[in-house]
Amino acid sequence: IDYVISALKYAISNGAHVVNLSLLTGNSAELYRLIQSAPD
């Protein structure tokens, strides 16, 4: 899950407009907050 979070942070910080997560994760509060923090 740490890799997934790092990858999503990387995508957001490098200008991705759309992110596809073809995966399932645990109930990660950090991942939830990360998606929430990038509403665009």
Full PDB file with SEQRES, HELIX, SHEET, SSBOND, CRYST1, ORIGX, SCALE, CONECT and MASTER records, all heavy atoms in Angstrom:
SEQRES   1 A   40  ILE ASP TYR VAL ILE SER ALA LEU LYS TYR ALA ILE SER          
SEQRES   2 A   40  ASN GLY ALA HIS VAL VAL ASN LEU SER LEU LEU THR GLY          
SEQRES   3 A   40  ASN SER ALA GLU LEU TYR ARG LEU ILE GLN SER ALA PRO          
SEQRES   4 A   40  ASP                                                          
HELIX    1 AA1 ASP A    2  SER A   13  1                                  12    
HELIX    2 AA2 ALA A   29  SER A   37  1                                   9    
CRYST1    1.000    1.000    1.000  90.00  90.00  90.00 P 1           1          
ORIGX1      1.000000  0.000000  0.000000        0.00000                         
ORIGX2      0.000000  1.000000  0.000000        0.00000                         
ORIGX3      0.000000  0.000000  1.000000        0.00000                         
SCALE1      1.000000  0.000000  0.000000        0.00000                         
SCALE2      0.000000  1.000000  0.000000        0.00000                         
SCALE3      0.000000  0.000000  1.000000        0.00000                         
ATOM      1  N   ILE A   1       0.834  -1.193   0.000  1.00  0.00           N  
ATOM      2  CA  ILE A   1       0.000   0.000   0.000  1.00  0.00           C  
ATOM      3  C   ILE A   1       0.869   1.242   0.000  1.00  0.00           C  
ATOM      4  O   ILE A   1       0.503   2.274  -0.570  1.00  0.00           O  
ATOM      5  CB  ILE A   1      -0.968  -0.020   1.205  1.00  0.00           C  
ATOM      6  CG1 ILE A   1      -1.929   1.176   1.162  1.00  0.00           C  
ATOM      7  CG2 ILE A   1      -0.204  -0.023   2.517  1.00  0.00           C  
ATOM      8  CD1 ILE A   1      -2.848   1.180  -0.002  1.00  0.00           C  
ATOM      9  N   ASP A   2       2.064   1.146   0.591  1.00  0.00           N  
ATOM     10  CA  ASP A   2       2.984   2.280   0.578  1.00  0.00           C  
ATOM     11  C   ASP A   2       3.399   2.617  -0.849  1.00  0.00           C  
ATOM     12  O   ASP A   2       3.534   3.794  -1.201  1.00  0.00           O  
ATOM     13  CB  ASP A   2       4.224   1.983   1.418  1.00  0.00           C  
ATOM     14  CG  ASP A   2       3.904   1.858   2.896  1.00  0.00           C  
ATOM     15  OD1 ASP A   2       2.893   2.437   3.335  1.00  0.00           O  
ATOM     16  OD2 ASP A   2       4.654   1.176   3.616  1.00  0.00           O  
ATOM     17  N   TYR A   3       3.615   1.586  -1.693  1.00  0.00           N  
ATOM     18  CA  TYR A   3       3.967   1.837  -3.093  1.00  0.00           C  
ATOM     19  C   TYR A   3       2.813   2.520  -3.826  1.00  0.00           C  
ATOM     20  O   TYR A   3       3.018   3.427  -4.635  1.00  0.00           O  
ATOM     21  CB  TYR A   3       4.297   0.529  -3.818  1.00  0.00           C  
ATOM     22  CG  TYR A   3       5.530  -0.196  -3.340  1.00  0.00           C  
ATOM     23  CD1 TYR A   3       5.660  -1.565  -3.539  1.00  0.00           C  
ATOM     24  CD2 TYR A   3       6.569   0.470  -2.699  1.00  0.00           C  
ATOM     25  CE1 TYR A   3       6.798  -2.256  -3.111  1.00  0.00           C  
ATOM     26  CE2 TYR A   3       7.704  -0.208  -2.270  1.00  0.00           C  
ATOM     27  CZ  TYR A   3       7.811  -1.577  -2.479  1.00  0.00           C  
ATOM     28  OH  TYR A   3       8.922  -2.250  -2.067  1.00  0.00           O  
ATOM     29  N   VAL A   4       1.603   2.047  -3.560  1.00  0.00           N  
ATOM     30  CA  VAL A   4       0.429   2.633  -4.210  1.00  0.00           C  
ATOM     31  C   VAL A   4       0.285   4.102  -3.819  1.00  0.00           C  
ATOM     32  O   VAL A   4       0.040   4.975  -4.670  1.00  0.00           O  
ATOM     33  CB  VAL A   4      -0.848   1.848  -3.852  1.00  0.00           C  
ATOM     34  CG1 VAL A   4      -2.090   2.545  -4.412  1.00  0.00           C  
ATOM     35  CG2 VAL A   4      -0.761   0.423  -4.366  1.00  0.00           C  
ATOM     36  N   ILE A   5       0.437   4.393  -2.549  1.00  0.00           N  
ATOM     37  CA  ILE A   5       0.341   5.776  -2.070  1.00  0.00           C  
ATOM     38  C   ILE A   5       1.442   6.625  -2.690  1.00  0.00           C  
ATOM     39  O   ILE A   5       1.191   7.749  -3.160  1.00  0.00           O  
ATOM     40  CB  ILE A   5       0.415   5.811  -0.532  1.00  0.00           C  
ATOM     41  CG1 ILE A   5      -0.876   5.220   0.056  1.00  0.00           C  
ATOM     42  CG2 ILE A   5       0.636   7.230  -0.025  1.00  0.00           C  
ATOM     43  CD1 ILE A   5      -0.816   4.948   1.536  1.00  0.00           C  
ATOM     44  N   SER A   6       2.662   6.102  -2.730  1.00  0.00           N  
ATOM     45  CA  SER A   6       3.771   6.850  -3.334  1.00  0.00           C  
ATOM     46  C   SER A   6       3.518   7.115  -4.809  1.00  0.00           C  
ATOM     47  O   SER A   6       3.800   8.212  -5.315  1.00  0.00           O  
ATOM     48  CB  SER A   6       5.084   6.070  -3.161  1.00  0.00           C  
ATOM     49  OG  SER A   6       5.443   5.955  -1.799  1.00  0.00           O  
ATOM     50  N   ALA A   7       2.980   6.110  -5.511  1.00  0.00           N  
ATOM     51  CA  ALA A   7       2.694   6.276  -6.938  1.00  0.00           C  
ATOM     52  C   ALA A   7       1.625   7.341  -7.155  1.00  0.00           C  
ATOM     53  O   ALA A   7       1.740   8.169  -8.067  1.00  0.00           O  
ATOM     54  CB  ALA A   7       2.256   4.942  -7.534  1.00  0.00           C  
ATOM     55  N   LEU A   8       0.585   7.334  -6.335  1.00  0.00           N  
ATOM     56  CA  LEU A   8      -0.473   8.325  -6.493  1.00  0.00           C  
ATOM     57  C   LEU A   8       0.036   9.727  -6.171  1.00  0.00           C  
ATOM     58  O   LEU A   8      -0.288  10.696  -6.865  1.00  0.00           O  
ATOM     59  CB  LEU A   8      -1.674   7.966  -5.619  1.00  0.00           C  
ATOM     60  CG  LEU A   8      -2.903   8.869  -5.739  1.00  0.00           C  
ATOM     61  CD1 LEU A   8      -3.354   9.009  -7.187  1.00  0.00           C  
ATOM     62  CD2 LEU A   8      -4.040   8.352  -4.875  1.00  0.00           C  
ATOM     63  N   LYS A   9       0.863   9.841  -5.139  1.00  0.00           N  
ATOM     64  CA  LYS A   9       1.461  11.142  -4.822  1.00  0.00           C  
ATOM     65  C   LYS A   9       2.290  11.644  -5.997  1.00  0.00           C  
ATOM     66  O   LYS A   9       2.248  12.820  -6.357  1.00  0.00           O  
ATOM     67  CB  LYS A   9       2.348  11.023  -3.574  1.00  0.00           C  
ATOM     68  CG  LYS A   9       1.597  10.923  -2.262  1.00  0.00           C  
ATOM     69  CD  LYS A   9       2.571  10.817  -1.098  1.00  0.00           C  
ATOM     70  CE  LYS A   9       1.849  10.752   0.239  1.00  0.00           C  
ATOM     71  NZ  LYS A   9       2.804  10.579   1.364  1.00  0.00           N  
ATOM     72  N   TYR A  10       3.045  10.743  -6.603  1.00  0.00           N  
ATOM     73  CA  TYR A  10       3.889  11.084  -7.746  1.00  0.00           C  
ATOM     74  C   TYR A  10       3.031  11.578  -8.908  1.00  0.00           C  
ATOM     75  O   TYR A  10       3.338  12.585  -9.551  1.00  0.00           O  
ATOM     76  CB  TYR A  10       4.687   9.855  -8.150  1.00  0.00           C  
ATOM     77  CG  TYR A  10       5.764  10.069  -9.180  1.00  0.00           C  
ATOM     78  CD1 TYR A  10       7.098  10.179  -8.808  1.00  0.00           C  
ATOM     79  CD2 TYR A  10       5.468  10.132 -10.540  1.00  0.00           C  
ATOM     80  CE1 TYR A  10       8.100  10.348  -9.745  1.00  0.00           C  
ATOM     81  CE2 TYR A  10       6.459  10.305 -11.486  1.00  0.00           C  
ATOM     82  CZ  TYR A  10       7.775  10.411 -11.088  1.00  0.00           C  
ATOM     83  OH  TYR A  10       8.753  10.583 -12.033  1.00  0.00           O  
ATOM     84  N   ALA A  11       1.938  10.853  -9.182  1.00  0.00           N  
ATOM     85  CA  ALA A  11       1.056  11.235 -10.281  1.00  0.00           C  
ATOM     86  C   ALA A  11       0.463  12.618 -10.058  1.00  0.00           C  
ATOM     87  O   ALA A  11       0.447  13.464 -10.963  1.00  0.00           O  
ATOM     88  CB  ALA A  11      -0.055  10.197 -10.436  1.00  0.00           C  
ATOM     89  N   ILE A  12       0.000  12.868  -8.853  1.00  0.00           N  
ATOM     90  CA  ILE A  12      -0.615  14.155  -8.542  1.00  0.00           C  
ATOM     91  C   ILE A  12       0.405  15.282  -8.660  1.00  0.00           C  
ATOM     92  O   ILE A  12       0.136  16.323  -9.278  1.00  0.00           O  
ATOM     93  CB  ILE A  12      -1.241  14.120  -7.131  1.00  0.00           C  
ATOM     94  CG1 ILE A  12      -2.439  13.157  -7.106  1.00  0.00           C  
ATOM     95  CG2 ILE A  12      -1.667  15.517  -6.698  1.00  0.00           C  
ATOM     96  CD1 ILE A  12      -2.950  12.856  -5.714  1.00  0.00           C  
ATOM     97  N   SER A  13       1.579  15.080  -8.095  1.00  0.00           N  
ATOM     98  CA  SER A  13       2.591  16.147  -8.087  1.00  0.00           C  
ATOM     99  C   SER A  13       3.182  16.392  -9.462  1.00  0.00           C  
ATOM    100  O   SER A  13       3.745  17.459  -9.719  1.00  0.00           O  
ATOM    101  CB  SER A  13       3.703  15.819  -7.086  1.00  0.00           C  
ATOM    102  OG  SER A  13       4.407  14.656  -7.473  1.00  0.00           O  
ATOM    103  N   ASN A  14       3.061  15.422 -10.376  1.00  0.00           N  
ATOM    104  CA  ASN A  14       3.612  15.575 -11.717  1.00  0.00           C  
ATOM    105  C   ASN A  14       2.552  15.877 -12.767  1.00  0.00           C  
ATOM    106  O   ASN A  14       2.788  15.713 -13.960  1.00  0.00           O  
ATOM    107  CB  ASN A  14       4.409  14.336 -12.103  1.00  0.00           C  
ATOM    108  CG  ASN A  14       5.781  14.318 -11.466  1.00  0.00           C  
ATOM    109  OD1 ASN A  14       6.721  14.956 -11.946  1.00  0.00           O  
ATOM    110  ND2 ASN A  14       5.906  13.597 -10.356  1.00  0.00           N  
ATOM    111  N   GLY A  15       1.387  16.306 -12.329  1.00  0.00           N  
ATOM    112  CA  GLY A  15       0.419  16.878 -13.246  1.00  0.00           C  
ATOM    113  C   GLY A  15      -0.585  15.942 -13.869  1.00  0.00           C  
ATOM    114  O   GLY A  15      -1.238  16.313 -14.850  1.00  0.00           O  
ATOM    115  N   ALA A  16      -0.765  14.740 -13.330  1.00  0.00           N  
ATOM    116  CA  ALA A  16      -1.769  13.836 -13.892  1.00  0.00           C  
ATOM    117  C   ALA A  16      -3.169  14.411 -13.692  1.00  0.00           C  
ATOM    118  O   ALA A  16      -3.493  14.941 -12.626  1.00  0.00           O  
ATOM    119  CB  ALA A  16      -1.672  12.465 -13.230  1.00  0.00           C  
ATOM    120  N   HIS A  17      -3.986  14.325 -14.724  1.00  0.00           N  
ATOM    121  CA  HIS A  17      -5.377  14.764 -14.635  1.00  0.00           C  
ATOM    122  C   HIS A  17      -6.313  13.610 -14.285  1.00  0.00           C  
ATOM    123  O   HIS A  17      -7.368  13.814 -13.683  1.00  0.00           O  
ATOM    124  CB  HIS A  17      -5.825  15.361 -15.975  1.00  0.00           C  
ATOM    125  CG  HIS A  17      -5.059  16.579 -16.378  1.00  0.00           C  
ATOM    126  ND1 HIS A  17      -5.228  17.809 -15.794  1.00  0.00           N  
ATOM    127  CD2 HIS A  17      -4.089  16.751 -17.324  1.00  0.00           C  
ATOM    128  CE1 HIS A  17      -4.427  18.694 -16.348  1.00  0.00           C  
ATOM    129  NE2 HIS A  17      -3.719  18.077 -17.283  1.00  0.00           N  
ATOM    130  N   VAL A  18      -5.939  12.402 -14.712  1.00  0.00           N  
ATOM    131  CA  VAL A  18      -6.746  11.202 -14.488  1.00  0.00           C  
ATOM    132  C   VAL A  18      -5.808  10.097 -14.012  1.00  0.00           C  
ATOM    133  O   VAL A  18      -4.704   9.946 -14.549  1.00  0.00           O  
ATOM    134  CB  VAL A  18      -7.443  10.734 -15.785  1.00  0.00           C  
ATOM    135  CG1 VAL A  18      -8.417   9.596 -15.492  1.00  0.00           C  
ATOM    136  CG2 VAL A  18      -8.139  11.880 -16.488  1.00  0.00           C  
ATOM    137  N   VAL A  19      -6.236   9.341 -13.015  1.00  0.00           N  
ATOM    138  CA  VAL A  19      -5.442   8.218 -12.508  1.00  0.00           C  
ATOM    139  C   VAL A  19      -6.313   6.975 -12.512  1.00  0.00           C  
ATOM    140  O   VAL A  19      -7.441   6.996 -11.996  1.00  0.00           O  
ATOM    141  CB  VAL A  19      -4.926   8.485 -11.080  1.00  0.00           C  
ATOM    142  CG1 VAL A  19      -4.218   7.256 -10.528  1.00  0.00           C  
ATOM    143  CG2 VAL A  19      -3.988   9.690 -11.059  1.00  0.00           C  
ATOM    144  N   ASN A  20      -5.816   5.910 -13.124  1.00  0.00           N  
ATOM    145  CA  ASN A  20      -6.535   4.635 -13.081  1.00  0.00           C  
ATOM    146  C   ASN A  20      -5.884   3.711 -12.061  1.00  0.00           C  
ATOM    147  O   ASN A  20      -4.683   3.432 -12.138  1.00  0.00           O  
ATOM    148  CB  ASN A  20      -6.529   3.961 -14.451  1.00  0.00           C  
ATOM    149  CG  ASN A  20      -7.320   2.673 -14.433  1.00  0.00           C  
ATOM    150  OD1 ASN A  20      -8.552   2.697 -14.383  1.00  0.00           O  
ATOM    151  ND2 ASN A  20      -6.636   1.538 -14.443  1.00  0.00           N  
ATOM    152  N   LEU A  21      -6.673   3.241 -11.108  1.00  0.00           N  
ATOM    153  CA  LEU A  21      -6.209   2.286 -10.106  1.00  0.00           C  
ATOM    154  C   LEU A  21      -6.931   0.968 -10.331  1.00  0.00           C  
ATOM    155  O   LEU A  21      -7.985   0.710  -9.739  1.00  0.00           O  
ATOM    156  CB  LEU A  21      -6.477   2.803  -8.688  1.00  0.00           C  
ATOM    157  CG  LEU A  21      -5.704   4.043  -8.224  1.00  0.00           C  
ATOM    158  CD1 LEU A  21      -6.135   4.428  -6.809  1.00  0.00           C  
ATOM    159  CD2 LEU A  21      -4.200   3.821  -8.274  1.00  0.00           C  
ATOM    160  N   SER A  22      -6.398   0.136 -11.192  1.00  0.00           N  
ATOM    161  CA  SER A  22      -6.988  -1.190 -11.410  1.00  0.00           C  
ATOM    162  C   SER A  22      -6.428  -2.140 -10.354  1.00  0.00           C  
ATOM    163  O   SER A  22      -5.659  -3.062 -10.641  1.00  0.00           O  
ATOM    164  CB  SER A  22      -6.673  -1.689 -12.825  1.00  0.00           C  
ATOM    165  OG  SER A  22      -7.535  -1.096 -13.765  1.00  0.00           O  
ATOM    166  N   LEU A  23      -6.833  -1.896  -9.117  1.00  0.00           N  
ATOM    167  CA  LEU A  23      -6.330  -2.662  -7.986  1.00  0.00           C  
ATOM    168  C   LEU A  23      -7.258  -2.473  -6.795  1.00  0.00           C  
ATOM    169  O   LEU A  23      -8.093  -1.569  -6.769  1.00  0.00           O  
ATOM    170  CB  LEU A  23      -4.899  -2.220  -7.628  1.00  0.00           C  
ATOM    171  CG  LEU A  23      -4.649  -0.715  -7.447  1.00  0.00           C  
ATOM    172  CD1 LEU A  23      -5.013  -0.237  -6.045  1.00  0.00           C  
ATOM    173  CD2 LEU A  23      -3.188  -0.385  -7.731  1.00  0.00           C  
ATOM    174  N   LEU A  24      -7.103  -3.350  -5.816  1.00  0.00           N  
ATOM    175  CA  LEU A  24      -7.801  -3.227  -4.542  1.00  0.00           C  
ATOM    176  C   LEU A  24      -6.769  -3.073  -3.440  1.00  0.00           C  
ATOM    177  O   LEU A  24      -5.667  -3.626  -3.522  1.00  0.00           O  
ATOM    178  CB  LEU A  24      -8.665  -4.461  -4.273  1.00  0.00           C  
ATOM    179  CG  LEU A  24      -9.814  -4.713  -5.256  1.00  0.00           C  
ATOM    180  CD1 LEU A  24     -10.501  -6.032  -4.914  1.00  0.00           C  
ATOM    181  CD2 LEU A  24     -10.824  -3.568  -5.222  1.00  0.00           C  
ATOM    182  N   THR A  25      -7.110  -2.311  -2.423  1.00  0.00           N  
ATOM    183  CA  THR A  25      -6.199  -2.089  -1.302  1.00  0.00           C  
ATOM    184  C   THR A  25      -6.927  -2.359   0.004  1.00  0.00           C  
ATOM    185  O   THR A  25      -8.133  -2.614   0.022  1.00  0.00           O  
ATOM    186  CB  THR A  25      -5.703  -0.636  -1.283  1.00  0.00           C  
ATOM    187  OG1 THR A  25      -6.798   0.221  -0.917  1.00  0.00           O  
ATOM    188  CG2 THR A  25      -5.137  -0.223  -2.637  1.00  0.00           C  
ATOM    189  N   GLY A  26      -6.214  -2.248   1.088  1.00  0.00           N  
ATOM    190  CA  GLY A  26      -6.852  -2.267   2.389  1.00  0.00           C  
ATOM    191  C   GLY A  26      -7.526  -0.929   2.661  1.00  0.00           C  
ATOM    192  O   GLY A  26      -7.467   0.000   1.850  1.00  0.00           O  
ATOM    193  N   ASN A  27      -8.167  -0.826   3.791  1.00  0.00           N  
ATOM    194  CA  ASN A  27      -8.876   0.400   4.157  1.00  0.00           C  
ATOM    195  C   ASN A  27      -7.881   1.410   4.704  1.00  0.00           C  
ATOM    196  O   ASN A  27      -7.793   1.645   5.911  1.00  0.00           O  
ATOM    197  CB  ASN A  27      -9.960   0.087   5.178  1.00  0.00           C  
ATOM    198  CG  ASN A  27     -10.877   1.277   5.429  1.00  0.00           C  
ATOM    199  OD1 ASN A  27     -10.869   2.240   4.674  1.00  0.00           O  
ATOM    200  ND2 ASN A  27     -11.657   1.205   6.493  1.00  0.00           N  
ATOM    201  N   SER A  28      -7.114   2.018   3.808  1.00  0.00           N  
ATOM    202  CA  SER A  28      -6.040   2.927   4.177  1.00  0.00           C  
ATOM    203  C   SER A  28      -6.551   4.349   4.329  1.00  0.00           C  
ATOM    204  O   SER A  28      -6.987   4.972   3.361  1.00  0.00           O  
ATOM    205  CB  SER A  28      -4.935   2.887   3.108  1.00  0.00           C  
ATOM    206  OG  SER A  28      -4.046   3.962   3.272  1.00  0.00           O  
ATOM    207  N   ALA A  29      -6.470   4.879   5.541  1.00  0.00           N  
ATOM    208  CA  ALA A  29      -6.880   6.261   5.778  1.00  0.00           C  
ATOM    209  C   ALA A  29      -5.987   7.224   5.004  1.00  0.00           C  
ATOM    210  O   ALA A  29      -6.447   8.263   4.519  1.00  0.00           O  
ATOM    211  CB  ALA A  29      -6.832   6.572   7.266  1.00  0.00           C  
ATOM    212  N   GLU A  30      -4.698   6.873   4.859  1.00  0.00           N  
ATOM    213  CA  GLU A  30      -3.774   7.753   4.139  1.00  0.00           C  
ATOM    214  C   GLU A  30      -4.135   7.837   2.661  1.00  0.00           C  
ATOM    215  O   GLU A  30      -4.124   8.915   2.066  1.00  0.00           O  
ATOM    216  CB  GLU A  30      -2.335   7.277   4.308  1.00  0.00           C  
ATOM    217  CG  GLU A  30      -1.325   8.226   3.682  1.00  0.00           C  
ATOM    218  CD  GLU A  30       0.117   7.812   3.915  1.00  0.00           C  
ATOM    219  OE1 GLU A  30       0.350   6.762   4.559  1.00  0.00           O  
ATOM    220  OE2 GLU A  30       1.012   8.537   3.442  1.00  0.00           O  
ATOM    221  N   LEU A  31      -4.474   6.693   2.046  1.00  0.00           N  
ATOM    222  CA  LEU A  31      -4.861   6.702   0.642  1.00  0.00           C  
ATOM    223  C   LEU A  31      -6.162   7.477   0.451  1.00  0.00           C  
ATOM    224  O   LEU A  31      -6.304   8.252  -0.495  1.00  0.00           O  
ATOM    225  CB  LEU A  31      -5.015   5.271   0.121  1.00  0.00           C  
ATOM    226  CG  LEU A  31      -5.373   5.136  -1.358  1.00  0.00           C  
ATOM    227  CD1 LEU A  31      -4.304   5.763  -2.241  1.00  0.00           C  
ATOM    228  CD2 LEU A  31      -5.571   3.667  -1.737  1.00  0.00           C  
ATOM    229  N   TYR A  32      -7.098   7.287   1.353  1.00  0.00           N  
ATOM    230  CA  TYR A  32      -8.369   8.021   1.295  1.00  0.00           C  
ATOM    231  C   TYR A  32      -8.112   9.527   1.328  1.00  0.00           C  
ATOM    232  O   TYR A  32      -8.639  10.283   0.503  1.00  0.00           O  
ATOM    233  CB  TYR A  32      -9.249   7.608   2.473  1.00  0.00           C  
ATOM    234  CG  TYR A  32     -10.595   8.314   2.539  1.00  0.00           C  
ATOM    235  CD1 TYR A  32     -11.736   7.709   2.046  1.00  0.00           C  
ATOM    236  CD2 TYR A  32     -10.700   9.581   3.108  1.00  0.00           C  
ATOM    237  CE1 TYR A  32     -12.971   8.344   2.115  1.00  0.00           C  
ATOM    238  CE2 TYR A  32     -11.923  10.227   3.174  1.00  0.00           C  
ATOM    239  CZ  TYR A  32     -13.054   9.604   2.676  1.00  0.00           C  
ATOM    240  OH  TYR A  32     -14.263  10.254   2.743  1.00  0.00           O  
ATOM    241  N   ARG A  33      -7.302   9.967   2.293  1.00  0.00           N  
ATOM    242  CA  ARG A  33      -7.028  11.398   2.423  1.00  0.00           C  
ATOM    243  C   ARG A  33      -6.302  11.940   1.204  1.00  0.00           C  
ATOM    244  O   ARG A  33      -6.505  13.090   0.801  1.00  0.00           O  
ATOM    245  CB  ARG A  33      -6.223  11.663   3.694  1.00  0.00           C  
ATOM    246  CG  ARG A  33      -7.016  11.500   4.993  1.00  0.00           C  
ATOM    247  CD  ARG A  33      -6.271  12.082   6.172  1.00  0.00           C  
ATOM    248  NE  ARG A  33      -5.002  11.401   6.402  1.00  0.00           N  
ATOM    249  CZ  ARG A  33      -4.844  10.372   7.217  1.00  0.00           C  
ATOM    250  NH1 ARG A  33      -5.885   9.886   7.877  1.00  0.00           N  
ATOM    251  NH2 ARG A  33      -3.663   9.814   7.376  1.00  0.00           N  
ATOM    252  N   LEU A  34      -5.451  11.120   0.597  1.00  0.00           N  
ATOM    253  CA  LEU A  34      -4.712  11.563  -0.576  1.00  0.00           C  
ATOM    254  C   LEU A  34      -5.651  11.820  -1.759  1.00  0.00           C  
ATOM    255  O   LEU A  34      -5.531  12.844  -2.440  1.00  0.00           O  
ATOM    256  CB  LEU A  34      -3.663  10.508  -0.945  1.00  0.00           C  
ATOM    257  CG  LEU A  34      -2.760  10.830  -2.136  1.00  0.00           C  
ATOM    258  CD1 LEU A  34      -2.005  12.137  -1.912  1.00  0.00           C  
ATOM    259  CD2 LEU A  34      -1.782   9.687  -2.359  1.00  0.00           C  
ATOM    260  N   ILE A  35      -6.582  10.904  -2.007  1.00  0.00           N  
ATOM    261  CA  ILE A  35      -7.565  11.113  -3.074  1.00  0.00           C  
ATOM    262  C   ILE A  35      -8.415  12.344  -2.757  1.00  0.00           C  
ATOM    263  O   ILE A  35      -8.692  13.170  -3.629  1.00  0.00           O  
ATOM    264  CB  ILE A  35      -8.440   9.868  -3.262  1.00  0.00           C  
ATOM    265  CG1 ILE A  35      -7.589   8.658  -3.689  1.00  0.00           C  
ATOM    266  CG2 ILE A  35      -9.543  10.120  -4.288  1.00  0.00           C  
ATOM    267  CD1 ILE A  35      -8.337   7.343  -3.704  1.00  0.00           C  
ATOM    268  N   GLN A  36      -8.792  12.470  -1.509  1.00  0.00           N  
ATOM    269  CA  GLN A  36      -9.612  13.600  -1.073  1.00  0.00           C  
ATOM    270  C   GLN A  36      -8.866  14.926  -1.246  1.00  0.00           C  
ATOM    271  O   GLN A  36      -9.483  15.956  -1.551  1.00  0.00           O  
ATOM    272  CB  GLN A  36     -10.003  13.401   0.395  1.00  0.00           C  
ATOM    273  CG  GLN A  36     -10.967  14.413   0.959  1.00  0.00           C  
ATOM    274  CD  GLN A  36     -11.274  14.111   2.417  1.00  0.00           C  
ATOM    275  OE1 GLN A  36     -10.363  13.856   3.225  1.00  0.00           O  
ATOM    276  NE2 GLN A  36     -12.551  14.107   2.766  1.00  0.00           N  
ATOM    277  N   SER A  37      -7.550  14.909  -1.079  1.00  0.00           N  
ATOM    278  CA  SER A  37      -6.752  16.136  -1.118  1.00  0.00           C  
ATOM    279  C   SER A  37      -6.523  16.654  -2.537  1.00  0.00           C  
ATOM    280  O   SER A  37      -5.997  17.762  -2.710  1.00  0.00           O  
ATOM    281  CB  SER A  37      -5.391  15.895  -0.456  1.00  0.00           C  
ATOM    282  OG  SER A  37      -4.564  15.077  -1.277  1.00  0.00           O  
ATOM    283  N   ALA A  38      -6.880  15.864  -3.546  1.00  0.00           N  
ATOM    284  CA  ALA A  38      -6.664  16.257  -4.947  1.00  0.00           C  
ATOM    285  C   ALA A  38      -7.984  16.216  -5.698  1.00  0.00           C  
ATOM    286  O   ALA A  38      -8.187  15.392  -6.592  1.00  0.00           O  
ATOM    287  CB  ALA A  38      -5.638  15.338  -5.589  1.00  0.00           C  
ATOM    288  N   PRO A  39      -8.932  17.098  -5.373  1.00  0.00           N  
ATOM    289  CA  PRO A  39     -10.289  17.017  -5.944  1.00  0.00           C  
ATOM    290  C   PRO A  39     -10.338  17.233  -7.447  1.00  0.00           C  
ATOM    291  O   PRO A  39     -11.329  16.861  -8.089  1.00  0.00           O  
ATOM    292  CB  PRO A  39     -11.054  18.109  -5.197  1.00  0.00           C  
ATOM    293  CG  PRO A  39      -9.993  19.072  -4.743  1.00  0.00           C  
ATOM    294  CD  PRO A  39      -8.795  18.235  -4.445  1.00  0.00           C  
ATOM    295  N   ASP A  40      -9.296  17.822  -8.029  1.00  0.00           N  
ATOM    296  CA  ASP A  40      -9.290  18.042  -9.472  1.00  0.00           C  
ATOM    297  C   ASP A  40      -8.717  16.858 -10.245  1.00  0.00           C  
ATOM    298  O   ASP A  40      -8.741  16.855 -11.481  1.00  0.00           O  
ATOM    299  CB  ASP A  40      -8.477  19.296  -9.809  1.00  0.00           C  
ATOM    300  CG  ASP A  40      -9.122  20.560  -9.256  1.00  0.00           C  
ATOM    301  OD1 ASP A  40     -10.365  20.577  -9.135  1.00  0.00           O  
ATOM    302  OD2 ASP A  40      -8.391  21.515  -8.938  1.00  0.00           O  
TER     303      ASP A  40                                                      
MASTER        0    0    0    2    0    0    0    6  302    1    0    4          
END                                                                             
